[in-house]
Amino acid sequence: MSATKHTNCLICYSTDLKLLEAYSNVGLVKCQSCNFVFSERIPSMQELLDYYSNNYERTSYLSPITVKRFNEILDRFEPYRKTGKLLDVGAGYGFFMEVAKERGWDVYGTELTDEAVDHCKSKGLKMYKGEFHELDLESESFDVIVSIEVLEHLNTPNHFASKANEILRKGGVLYLTTPNFNSFLRYRLKEQYKVIEYPNHLCYYTPKTLKNLFTSKGFDPLAIKTTGISLTRLRTSKGKSDQEYVCETSDDEMLRYRIEKNPALKVMKSSTNGVLNLLKMGDSLKGYFQKK
């Protein structure tokens, strides 16, 4: 365990932090001023290197259904296309970048490791290596910033939001996804919930805290939604399966295929997501924000 701990909220800087006893094994605290939940522990660089070298695997599987979802997201970006520049923060193996590039966007990506950067460059993608907030990027140059399942890994959310504001043009849009701490599965599984994992995930957002972060840094919320319940996450958290979270044969992927082929199941999915969003209890938290 790292000996270093945060003493202030990572969003509002309050010192009024309360340890969440049910999650003391991963050191989660909740800010009593703004309700943000995060790991009190500050992982050392060695902890992170050990974890990501031994435990973290990037998926090499890209589902055709995911490509369809990517295109739906990109459809929503079309009204914001002016410079034509799009940045994918934490691009992984560049799947989203490839789809955006095919649609004519001038695409750039960021990653931390040589392995991921080299992999993307081998596909002809333009990459920056390093911490997002430390990169030398042109101010107000991007139409769109995308960050898919990245924010939970960072313990510098204010730096992230400020950097995004700096490099987006006025009226540009930021789209991101991150796990929802108020999800149905987290309430059900509590400390068993495999999303809560140190040092992989350091910050845990709700619709309210995500909105607070980005509105405090000069963004207007266009939409904040919570959707989905992961059967894969449920079964692996309860120890009933060791399947990969993203793969062709996971419970989630098999269900997605069934839904895509069945109009009745599509209606059921839409209705379920509507209820989850209304209750703010979906597994996935998705935010669209526009720079003022």
Foldseek 3Di string as FASTA:
>chain_A
DAPAFDQAQLFPGHNQWAFDVLQVVQQWIAHPPQGWIFHRDDDDPVVVCVCCVPPDDFDPDDDPVVLVVLVVVVVVLVVLDDLLEEEEEQCQLPPSVVSSVVVPGLYEYEEADPVSCVNNVVVVHHYDYDDQLPDDAAFQRHQEYEYEADPQLDSNLLSVLQSVLGRHHAFHKYKYKHWACQAPLCVVLPNLQPSSDPPRGTTHDAQRVVCSRNVVNAKDWPDKFAAADQPQRNCVSVVNDDDDSDDCPGPVNVVVVVCVVDVVSVVVRVVRRVVCRVVSHHGMIMTMIGGD
